[in-house]
C-alpha atoms as a PDB file:
ATOM      1  CA  MET A   1    -142.138-125.916 235.099  1.00  0.00           C
ATOM      2  CA  ASN A   2    -140.569-125.733 231.367  1.00  0.00           C
ATOM      3  CA  HIS A   3    -137.515-123.853 231.818  1.00  0.00           C
ATOM      4  CA  ARG A   4    -136.549-123.698 228.170  1.00  0.00           C
ATOM      5  CA  LEU A   5    -136.223-119.844 226.686  1.00  0.00           C
ATOM      6  CA  PRO A   6    -138.499-119.463 223.701  1.00  0.00           C
ATOM      7  CA  LEU A   7    -137.819-121.077 220.609  1.00  0.00           C
ATOM      8  CA  ASN A   8    -138.293-120.902 216.812  1.00  0.00           C
ATOM      9  CA  GLN A   9    -138.607-122.392 213.832  1.00  0.00           C
ATOM     10  CA  SER A  10    -134.956-121.162 213.313  1.00  0.00           C
ATOM     11  CA  ASP A  11    -133.469-123.361 215.848  1.00  0.00           C
ATOM     12  CA  VAL A  12    -135.210-126.028 214.552  1.00  0.00           C
ATOM     13  CA  ARG A  13    -134.020-126.108 211.188  1.00  0.00           C
ATOM     14  CA  ALA A  14    -130.318-125.010 212.582  1.00  0.00           C
ATOM     15  CA  GLY A  15    -131.025-128.215 214.620  1.00  0.00           C
ATOM     16  CA  ARG A  16    -131.463-130.500 211.569  1.00  0.00           C
ATOM     17  CA  SER A  17    -128.368-128.953 209.471  1.00  0.00           C
ATOM     18  CA  GLY A  18    -125.834-129.183 211.641  1.00  0.00           C
ATOM     19  CA  GLY A  19    -123.203-126.504 213.645  1.00  0.00           C
ATOM     20  CA  GLY A  20    -119.872-125.485 213.087  1.00  0.00           C
ATOM     21  CA  PRO A  21    -118.101-122.125 212.396  1.00  0.00           C
ATOM     22  CA  VAL A  22    -119.267-122.739 208.282  1.00  0.00           C
ATOM     23  CA  GLN A  23    -123.057-122.539 209.660  1.00  0.00           C
ATOM     24  CA  MET A  24    -122.318-119.290 212.037  1.00  0.00           C
ATOM     25  CA  LEU A  25    -121.063-117.588 208.719  1.00  0.00           C
ATOM     26  CA  ARG A  26    -123.651-118.843 207.073  1.00  0.00           C
ATOM     27  CA  ARG A  27    -126.704-117.584 209.419  1.00  0.00           C
ATOM     28  CA  ILE A  28    -124.756-114.145 210.006  1.00  0.00           C
ATOM     29  CA  PHE A  29    -125.354-113.430 206.285  1.00  0.00           C
ATOM     30  CA  ARG A  30    -129.430-115.386 206.585  1.00  0.00           C
ATOM     31  CA  PRO A  31    -130.786-112.491 208.608  1.00  0.00           C
ATOM     32  CA  ARG A  32    -134.173-114.874 208.664  1.00  0.00           C
ATOM     33  CA  THR A  33    -132.190-117.935 210.395  1.00  0.00           C
ATOM     34  CA  LEU A  34    -131.302-115.370 213.066  1.00  0.00           C
ATOM     35  CA  ASP A  35    -133.295-115.689 216.336  1.00  0.00           C
ATOM     36  CA  PHE A  36    -132.654-112.031 218.131  1.00  0.00           C
ATOM     37  CA  GLU A  37    -136.093-112.787 220.112  1.00  0.00           C
ATOM     38  CA  THR A  38    -134.547-115.431 222.113  1.00  0.00           C
ATOM     39  CA  ALA A  39    -130.871-113.695 221.806  1.00  0.00           C
ATOM     40  CA  SER A  40    -133.112-111.025 223.768  1.00  0.00           C
ATOM     41  CA  TRP A  41    -134.521-113.447 226.666  1.00  0.00           C
ATOM     42  CA  GLU A  42    -131.096-114.627 227.172  1.00  0.00           C
ATOM     43  CA  ILE A  43    -129.807-111.429 227.693  1.00  0.00           C
ATOM     44  CA  PHE A  44    -132.518-110.378 230.300  1.00  0.00           C
ATOM     45  CA  TYR A  45    -132.047-113.529 232.019  1.00  0.00           C
ATOM     46  CA  LEU A  46    -127.836-113.347 232.342  1.00  0.00           C
ATOM     47  CA  ILE A  47    -128.718-110.308 233.956  1.00  0.00           C
ATOM     48  CA  PHE A  48    -131.628-110.956 236.128  1.00  0.00           C
ATOM     49  CA  ARG A  49    -131.141-115.425 236.367  1.00  0.00           C
ATOM     50  CA  PRO A  50    -128.298-116.351 235.118  1.00  0.00           C
ATOM     51  CA  LYS A  51    -128.912-120.236 235.963  1.00  0.00           C
ATOM     52  CA  ARG A  52    -132.040-119.951 234.263  1.00  0.00           C
ATOM     53  CA  VAL A  53    -129.903-119.686 230.723  1.00  0.00           C
ATOM     54  CA  TYR A  54    -127.787-122.778 231.091  1.00  0.00           C
ATOM     55  CA  LYS A  55    -131.216-124.894 232.140  1.00  0.00           C
ATOM     56  CA  ASN A  56    -132.104-125.032 228.463  1.00  0.00           C
ATOM     57  CA  LEU A  57    -128.504-127.480 227.515  1.00  0.00           C
ATOM     58  CA  TYR A  58    -129.482-130.565 227.913  1.00  0.00           C
ATOM     59  CA  TYR A  59    -132.123-129.489 225.290  1.00  0.00           C
ATOM     60  CA  HIS A  60    -130.225-127.933 223.425  1.00  0.00           C
ATOM     61  CA  LYS A  61    -127.262-131.100 223.095  1.00  0.00           C
ATOM     62  CA  GLN A  62    -130.363-133.656 222.750  1.00  0.00           C
ATOM     63  CA  THR A  63    -131.408-131.288 219.732  1.00  0.00           C
ATOM     64  CA  LYS A  64    -128.292-129.886 217.810  1.00  0.00           C
ATOM     65  CA  ASN A  65    -125.782-132.536 219.127  1.00  0.00           C
ATOM     66  CA  LYS A  66    -122.990-129.837 220.609  1.00  0.00           C
ATOM     67  CA  TRP A  67    -122.996-127.505 223.689  1.00  0.00           C
ATOM     68  CA  ALA A  68    -122.137-124.244 221.929  1.00  0.00           C
ATOM     69  CA  ARG A  69    -124.657-121.935 220.469  1.00  0.00           C
ATOM     70  CA  ASP A  70    -124.960-122.101 216.930  1.00  0.00           C
ATOM     71  CA  ASP A  71    -127.255-119.381 216.135  1.00  0.00           C
ATOM     72  CA  PRO A  72    -125.154-115.893 216.334  1.00  0.00           C
ATOM     73  CA  SER A  73    -127.461-113.834 217.576  1.00  0.00           C
ATOM     74  CA  PHE A  74    -126.451-113.247 220.625  1.00  0.00           C
ATOM     75  CA  PHE A  75    -123.033-112.338 219.437  1.00  0.00           C
ATOM     76  CA  LEU A  76    -124.458-109.790 217.087  1.00  0.00           C
ATOM     77  CA  LEU A  77    -126.686-108.176 219.924  1.00  0.00           C
ATOM     78  CA  LEU A  78    -123.843-108.340 222.528  1.00  0.00           C
ATOM     79  CA  ASN A  79    -121.547-106.619 219.716  1.00  0.00           C
ATOM     80  CA  VAL A  80    -123.657-104.192 218.859  1.00  0.00           C
ATOM     81  CA  LEU A  81    -124.325-103.201 222.298  1.00  0.00           C
ATOM     82  CA  LEU A  82    -120.747-103.149 222.526  1.00  0.00           C
ATOM     83  CA  LEU A  83    -120.361-100.492 219.160  1.00  0.00           C
ATOM     84  CA  ILE A  84    -123.288 -98.041 220.795  1.00  0.00           C
ATOM     85  CA  SER A  85    -121.679 -97.772 224.429  1.00  0.00           C
ATOM     86  CA  ALA A  86    -118.128 -97.284 222.935  1.00  0.00           C
ATOM     87  CA  LEU A  87    -119.065 -94.668 220.563  1.00  0.00           C
ATOM     88  CA  GLY A  88    -120.989 -93.060 223.805  1.00  0.00           C
ATOM     89  CA  TRP A  89    -117.779 -93.388 224.973  1.00  0.00           C
ATOM     90  CA  GLY A  90    -115.859 -92.327 221.750  1.00  0.00           C
ATOM     91  CA  LEU A  91    -118.052 -88.830 221.200  1.00  0.00           C
ATOM     92  CA  ALA A  92    -117.981 -88.069 225.332  1.00  0.00           C
ATOM     93  CA  TYR A  93    -114.225 -88.186 225.476  1.00  0.00           C
ATOM     94  CA  GLN A  94    -112.584 -88.521 222.544  1.00  0.00           C
ATOM     95  CA  PRO A  95    -112.703 -86.206 220.494  1.00  0.00           C
ATOM     96  CA  GLY A  96    -111.973 -86.667 216.212  1.00  0.00           C
ATOM     97  CA  ILE A  97    -113.459 -89.102 213.982  1.00  0.00           C
ATOM     98  CA  VAL A  98    -110.029 -91.305 213.719  1.00  0.00           C
ATOM     99  CA  ARG A  99    -109.754 -91.511 217.333  1.00  0.00           C
ATOM    100  CA  ILE A 100    -113.541 -92.258 217.909  1.00  0.00           C
ATOM    101  CA  ILE A 101    -113.326 -95.159 215.564  1.00  0.00           C
ATOM    102  CA  ARG A 102    -109.846 -96.386 216.833  1.00  0.00           C
ATOM    103  CA  LEU A 103    -111.484 -96.368 220.537  1.00  0.00           C
ATOM    104  CA  MET A 104    -115.062 -98.511 219.360  1.00  0.00           C
ATOM    105  CA  PHE A 105    -112.570-101.274 217.373  1.00  0.00           C
ATOM    106  CA  TYR A 106    -110.042-101.072 220.835  1.00  0.00           C
ATOM    107  CA  MET A 107    -112.916-101.593 223.328  1.00  0.00           C
ATOM    108  CA  VAL A 108    -114.980-104.017 221.008  1.00  0.00           C
ATOM    109  CA  LEU A 109    -111.740-105.899 219.517  1.00  0.00           C
ATOM    110  CA  VAL A 110    -109.337-106.226 222.183  1.00  0.00           C
ATOM    111  CA  ASP A 111    -111.687-105.545 225.327  1.00  0.00           C
ATOM    112  CA  PHE A 112    -114.335-107.975 224.104  1.00  0.00           C
ATOM    113  CA  LEU A 113    -113.060-110.033 221.452  1.00  0.00           C
ATOM    114  CA  LEU A 114    -109.340-110.979 222.137  1.00  0.00           C
ATOM    115  CA  LEU A 115    -109.255-111.329 225.849  1.00  0.00           C
ATOM    116  CA  GLY A 116    -112.638-113.450 225.353  1.00  0.00           C
ATOM    117  CA  LEU A 117    -110.637-115.621 223.078  1.00  0.00           C
ATOM    118  CA  VAL A 118    -107.711-115.335 225.582  1.00  0.00           C
ATOM    119  CA  ILE A 119    -109.599-116.503 228.775  1.00  0.00           C
ATOM    120  CA  ALA A 120    -111.770-119.261 226.175  1.00  0.00           C
ATOM    121  CA  ALA A 121    -108.371-120.894 225.452  1.00  0.00           C
ATOM    122  CA  VAL A 122    -107.181-120.783 229.020  1.00  0.00           C
ATOM    123  CA  PHE A 123    -110.717-122.571 230.247  1.00  0.00           C
ATOM    124  CA  TYR A 124    -110.761-124.994 227.677  1.00  0.00           C
ATOM    125  CA  PHE A 125    -107.412-126.321 227.973  1.00  0.00           C
ATOM    126  CA  THR A 126    -107.096-126.247 231.657  1.00  0.00           C
ATOM    127  CA  ILE A 127    -110.343-127.625 232.135  1.00  0.00           C
ATOM    128  CA  ARG A 128    -110.222-130.839 229.957  1.00  0.00           C
ATOM    129  CA  LYS A 129    -106.677-131.578 231.772  1.00  0.00           C
ATOM    130  CA  PHE A 130    -107.579-130.788 235.067  1.00  0.00           C
ATOM    131  CA  LEU A 131    -111.739-130.874 235.458  1.00  0.00           C
ATOM    132  CA  THR A 132    -112.512-132.997 233.341  1.00  0.00           C
ATOM    133  CA  LYS A 133    -114.274-136.725 234.526  1.00  0.00           C
ATOM    134  CA  LYS A 134    -112.412-139.894 233.921  1.00  0.00           C
ATOM    135  CA  GLY A 135    -114.138-142.763 231.878  1.00  0.00           C
ATOM    136  CA  ASP A 136    -115.737-144.031 228.682  1.00  0.00           C
ATOM    137  CA  GLN A 137    -118.684-142.524 230.037  1.00  0.00           C
ATOM    138  CA  PHE A 138    -117.654-139.505 229.342  1.00  0.00           C
ATOM    139  CA  SER A 139    -116.235-139.264 226.308  1.00  0.00           C
ATOM    140  CA  GLN A 140    -118.663-138.058 224.124  1.00  0.00           C
ATOM    141  CA  GLY A 141    -119.034-135.108 225.955  1.00  0.00           C
ATOM    142  CA  ALA A 142    -116.006-133.355 224.803  1.00  0.00           C
ATOM    143  CA  LEU A 143    -115.553-129.592 226.222  1.00  0.00           C
ATOM    144  CA  GLU A 144    -115.776-127.414 222.990  1.00  0.00           C
ATOM    145  CA  TYR A 145    -114.181-124.710 222.394  1.00  0.00           C
ATOM    146  CA  ALA A 146    -116.768-122.745 221.244  1.00  0.00           C
ATOM    147  CA  TYR A 147    -119.048-123.396 224.177  1.00  0.00           C
ATOM    148  CA  CYS A 148    -116.017-121.560 226.470  1.00  0.00           C
ATOM    149  CA  PHE A 149    -116.240-118.426 224.181  1.00  0.00           C
ATOM    150  CA  ASP A 150    -120.024-118.932 224.499  1.00  0.00           C
ATOM    151  CA  VAL A 151    -119.274-118.924 228.428  1.00  0.00           C
ATOM    152  CA  HIS A 152    -117.038-115.795 228.161  1.00  0.00           C
ATOM    153  CA  CYS A 153    -119.704-114.136 226.156  1.00  0.00           C
ATOM    154  CA  ASN A 154    -122.330-114.636 228.798  1.00  0.00           C
ATOM    155  CA  GLY A 155    -119.987-113.297 231.437  1.00  0.00           C
ATOM    156  CA  PHE A 156    -119.448-110.103 229.702  1.00  0.00           C
ATOM    157  CA  LEU A 157    -122.518-109.482 229.502  1.00  0.00           C
ATOM    158  CA  ILE A 158    -122.980-107.701 233.141  1.00  0.00           C
ATOM    159  CA  VAL A 159    -119.054-106.074 232.571  1.00  0.00           C
ATOM    160  CA  TRP A 160    -120.910-104.781 229.535  1.00  0.00           C
ATOM    161  CA  LEU A 161    -123.921-103.132 231.589  1.00  0.00           C
ATOM    162  CA  LEU A 162    -121.844-102.052 234.322  1.00  0.00           C
ATOM    163  CA  LEU A 163    -118.373-101.272 233.101  1.00  0.00           C
ATOM    164  CA  TYR A 164    -119.462 -99.432 229.730  1.00  0.00           C
ATOM    165  CA  VAL A 165    -123.050 -97.423 230.528  1.00  0.00           C
ATOM    166  CA  LEU A 166    -123.840 -97.880 234.124  1.00  0.00           C
ATOM    167  CA  GLN A 167    -119.281 -96.397 234.355  1.00  0.00           C
ATOM    168  CA  PHE A 168    -120.234 -94.527 231.500  1.00  0.00           C
ATOM    169  CA  VAL A 169    -122.764 -92.876 233.366  1.00  0.00           C
ATOM    170  CA  LEU A 170    -121.645 -92.544 236.929  1.00  0.00           C
ATOM    171  CA  LEU A 171    -118.154 -91.441 235.360  1.00  0.00           C
ATOM    172  CA  PRO A 172    -118.152 -87.282 236.455  1.00  0.00           C
ATOM    173  CA  VAL A 173    -118.658 -88.657 240.012  1.00  0.00           C
ATOM    174  CA  LEU A 174    -116.665 -91.390 239.947  1.00  0.00           C
ATOM    175  CA  THR A 175    -113.403 -89.527 238.903  1.00  0.00           C
ATOM    176  CA  LYS A 176    -113.513 -87.140 241.794  1.00  0.00           C
ATOM    177  CA  ASP A 177    -110.968 -86.890 244.391  1.00  0.00           C
ATOM    178  CA  ASN A 178    -112.864 -88.592 247.352  1.00  0.00           C
ATOM    179  CA  TRP A 179    -113.707 -92.135 249.190  1.00  0.00           C
ATOM    180  CA  LEU A 180    -116.724 -92.324 248.691  1.00  0.00           C
ATOM    181  CA  ALA A 181    -116.358 -91.746 244.585  1.00  0.00           C
ATOM    182  CA  LEU A 182    -113.654 -94.343 244.668  1.00  0.00           C
ATOM    183  CA  PHE A 183    -115.598 -96.937 247.029  1.00  0.00           C
ATOM    184  CA  VAL A 184    -118.610 -96.464 244.407  1.00  0.00           C
ATOM    185  CA  GLY A 185    -116.182 -97.109 240.928  1.00  0.00           C
ATOM    186  CA  ASN A 186    -114.203 -99.545 242.918  1.00  0.00           C
ATOM    187  CA  THR A 187    -117.078-101.632 244.207  1.00  0.00           C
ATOM    188  CA  LEU A 188    -118.768-101.652 240.618  1.00  0.00           C
ATOM    189  CA  TYR A 189    -115.380-103.684 238.634  1.00  0.00           C
ATOM    190  CA  ALA A 190    -115.226-105.744 241.541  1.00  0.00           C
ATOM    191  CA  PHE A 191    -118.968-106.846 241.217  1.00  0.00           C
ATOM    192  CA  SER A 192    -118.660-106.976 237.681  1.00  0.00           C
ATOM    193  CA  THR A 193    -115.495-108.968 237.778  1.00  0.00           C
ATOM    194  CA  CYS A 194    -117.135-111.960 240.545  1.00  0.00           C
ATOM    195  CA  TYR A 195    -120.184-111.565 238.728  1.00  0.00           C
ATOM    196  CA  TYR A 196    -118.427-112.842 235.252  1.00  0.00           C
ATOM    197  CA  PHE A 197    -116.684-115.860 237.274  1.00  0.00           C
ATOM    198  CA  LEU A 198    -119.729-116.087 238.712  1.00  0.00           C
ATOM    199  CA  VAL A 199    -121.929-117.412 235.022  1.00  0.00           C
ATOM    200  CA  THR A 200    -118.347-118.733 234.153  1.00  0.00           C
ATOM    201  CA  PHE A 201    -119.163-121.245 237.141  1.00  0.00           C
ATOM    202  CA  TYR A 202    -123.066-121.744 235.975  1.00  0.00           C
ATOM    203  CA  GLY A 203    -121.757-122.350 232.510  1.00  0.00           C
ATOM    204  CA  TYR A 204    -119.462-125.014 233.551  1.00  0.00           C
ATOM    205  CA  SER A 205    -120.876-126.807 236.313  1.00  0.00           C
ATOM    206  CA  SER A 206    -123.860-127.486 233.705  1.00  0.00           C
ATOM    207  CA  LEU A 207    -121.947-130.057 232.242  1.00  0.00           C
ATOM    208  CA  PRO A 208    -122.174-133.176 232.772  1.00  0.00           C
ATOM    209  CA  PHE A 209    -119.089-134.323 232.429  1.00  0.00           C
ATOM    210  CA  LEU A 210    -117.226-132.202 234.366  1.00  0.00           C
ATOM    211  CA  GLU A 211    -116.566-132.152 237.971  1.00  0.00           C
ATOM    212  CA  HIS A 212    -115.032-129.902 240.742  1.00  0.00           C
ATOM    213  CA  THR A 213    -115.879-126.985 238.957  1.00  0.00           C
ATOM    214  CA  GLU A 214    -116.049-124.542 242.295  1.00  0.00           C
ATOM    215  CA  PHE A 215    -112.502-124.513 241.535  1.00  0.00           C
ATOM    216  CA  ILE A 216    -113.743-121.875 239.167  1.00  0.00           C
ATOM    217  CA  LEU A 217    -114.680-119.727 241.753  1.00  0.00           C
ATOM    218  CA  LEU A 218    -111.336-119.341 243.603  1.00  0.00           C
ATOM    219  CA  PRO A 219    -110.565-116.200 241.845  1.00  0.00           C
ATOM    220  CA  ILE A 220    -113.363-114.035 243.431  1.00  0.00           C
ATOM    221  CA  PRO A 221    -111.767-114.269 247.294  1.00  0.00           C
ATOM    222  CA  ILE A 222    -108.576-112.797 245.331  1.00  0.00           C
ATOM    223  CA  ILE A 223    -110.893-110.336 243.795  1.00  0.00           C
ATOM    224  CA  ILE A 224    -112.347-109.286 247.248  1.00  0.00           C
ATOM    225  CA  ILE A 225    -108.935-109.369 248.862  1.00  0.00           C
ATOM    226  CA  PHE A 226    -107.953-106.533 246.475  1.00  0.00           C
ATOM    227  CA  TYR A 227    -110.662-105.063 246.242  1.00  0.00           C
ATOM    228  CA  ILE A 228    -110.420-104.134 249.762  1.00  0.00           C
ATOM    229  CA  ALA A 229    -107.184-102.978 249.596  1.00  0.00           C
ATOM    230  CA  SER A 230    -108.216-100.818 246.638  1.00  0.00           C
ATOM    231  CA  LEU A 231    -110.175 -98.931 249.162  1.00  0.00           C
ATOM    232  CA  PHE A 232    -107.276 -97.447 250.928  1.00  0.00           C
ATOM    233  CA  GLY A 233    -106.439 -95.189 247.853  1.00  0.00           C
ATOM    234  CA  PHE A 234    -106.530 -96.957 245.439  1.00  0.00           C
ATOM    235  CA  ASN A 235    -109.166 -95.326 241.707  1.00  0.00           C
ATOM    236  CA  VAL A 236    -109.557 -97.892 239.541  1.00  0.00           C
ATOM    237  CA  VAL A 237    -111.948 -95.784 237.519  1.00  0.00           C
ATOM    238  CA  GLN A 238    -109.527 -93.076 237.301  1.00  0.00           C
ATOM    239  CA  HIS A 239    -106.752 -95.370 236.344  1.00  0.00           C
ATOM    240  CA  MET A 240    -109.117 -96.250 233.872  1.00  0.00           C
ATOM    241  CA  VAL A 241    -109.598 -93.404 232.115  1.00  0.00           C
ATOM    242  CA  GLU A 242    -106.022 -92.199 231.920  1.00  0.00           C
ATOM    243  CA  PHE A 243    -105.375 -95.329 230.422  1.00  0.00           C
ATOM    244  CA  TYR A 244    -107.607 -95.565 227.751  1.00  0.00           C
ATOM    245  CA  PHE A 245    -107.933 -91.719 227.256  1.00  0.00           C
ATOM    246  CA  GLY A 246    -104.355 -90.232 228.890  1.00  0.00           C
ATOM    247  CA  LYS A 247    -106.413 -87.758 231.372  1.00  0.00           C
END
């Protein structure tokens, strides 16, 4: 069975022309080289079948000589989705143009981008030091920081779906002072965070030069413990609303 996602001619051209930050920036300003069709398929599979996205890694490495994406289409789509959802939050809960714009920038630049760069850096240095196989045969399998950020973007998609979209729809119910609202809201946060680490695990376990990647799943039982403890009276949604909107 062929597990590869749809490819078009821009993929082939990109593979021949190399990659890197400069190439990524060039493609942003050349819409015809962007492959939004494949990026859309990746969004679909990351939600329903995240393992399938990483089954393309070997083909990607062979054709483009890198593990990270060289097409910014997925990153751009995710930013657009974040901006739209942040605009919805701002219109609903932040009166005033300036406060809405400030909220949009915070949700995109801080929540997603800045936090993602930090998380990617932590994984990059930690994995290179502790989870990389030793030996000359793995010398060509150097972990790329750009790939670490790709993994963060992949994992953040479910966070966006549950905490930026579904939570927005359910917020009038989730902020009520009853245990059912607390249970549903806290479950959203716990599930989205656990799913983030699961997708992250899939991303790194797919690299042949890494070992013991199951350690990446260690935060999940810790999250579950905090989740169970929070059910005794700590409403995560109410604290989120107070942090972002002062309500």
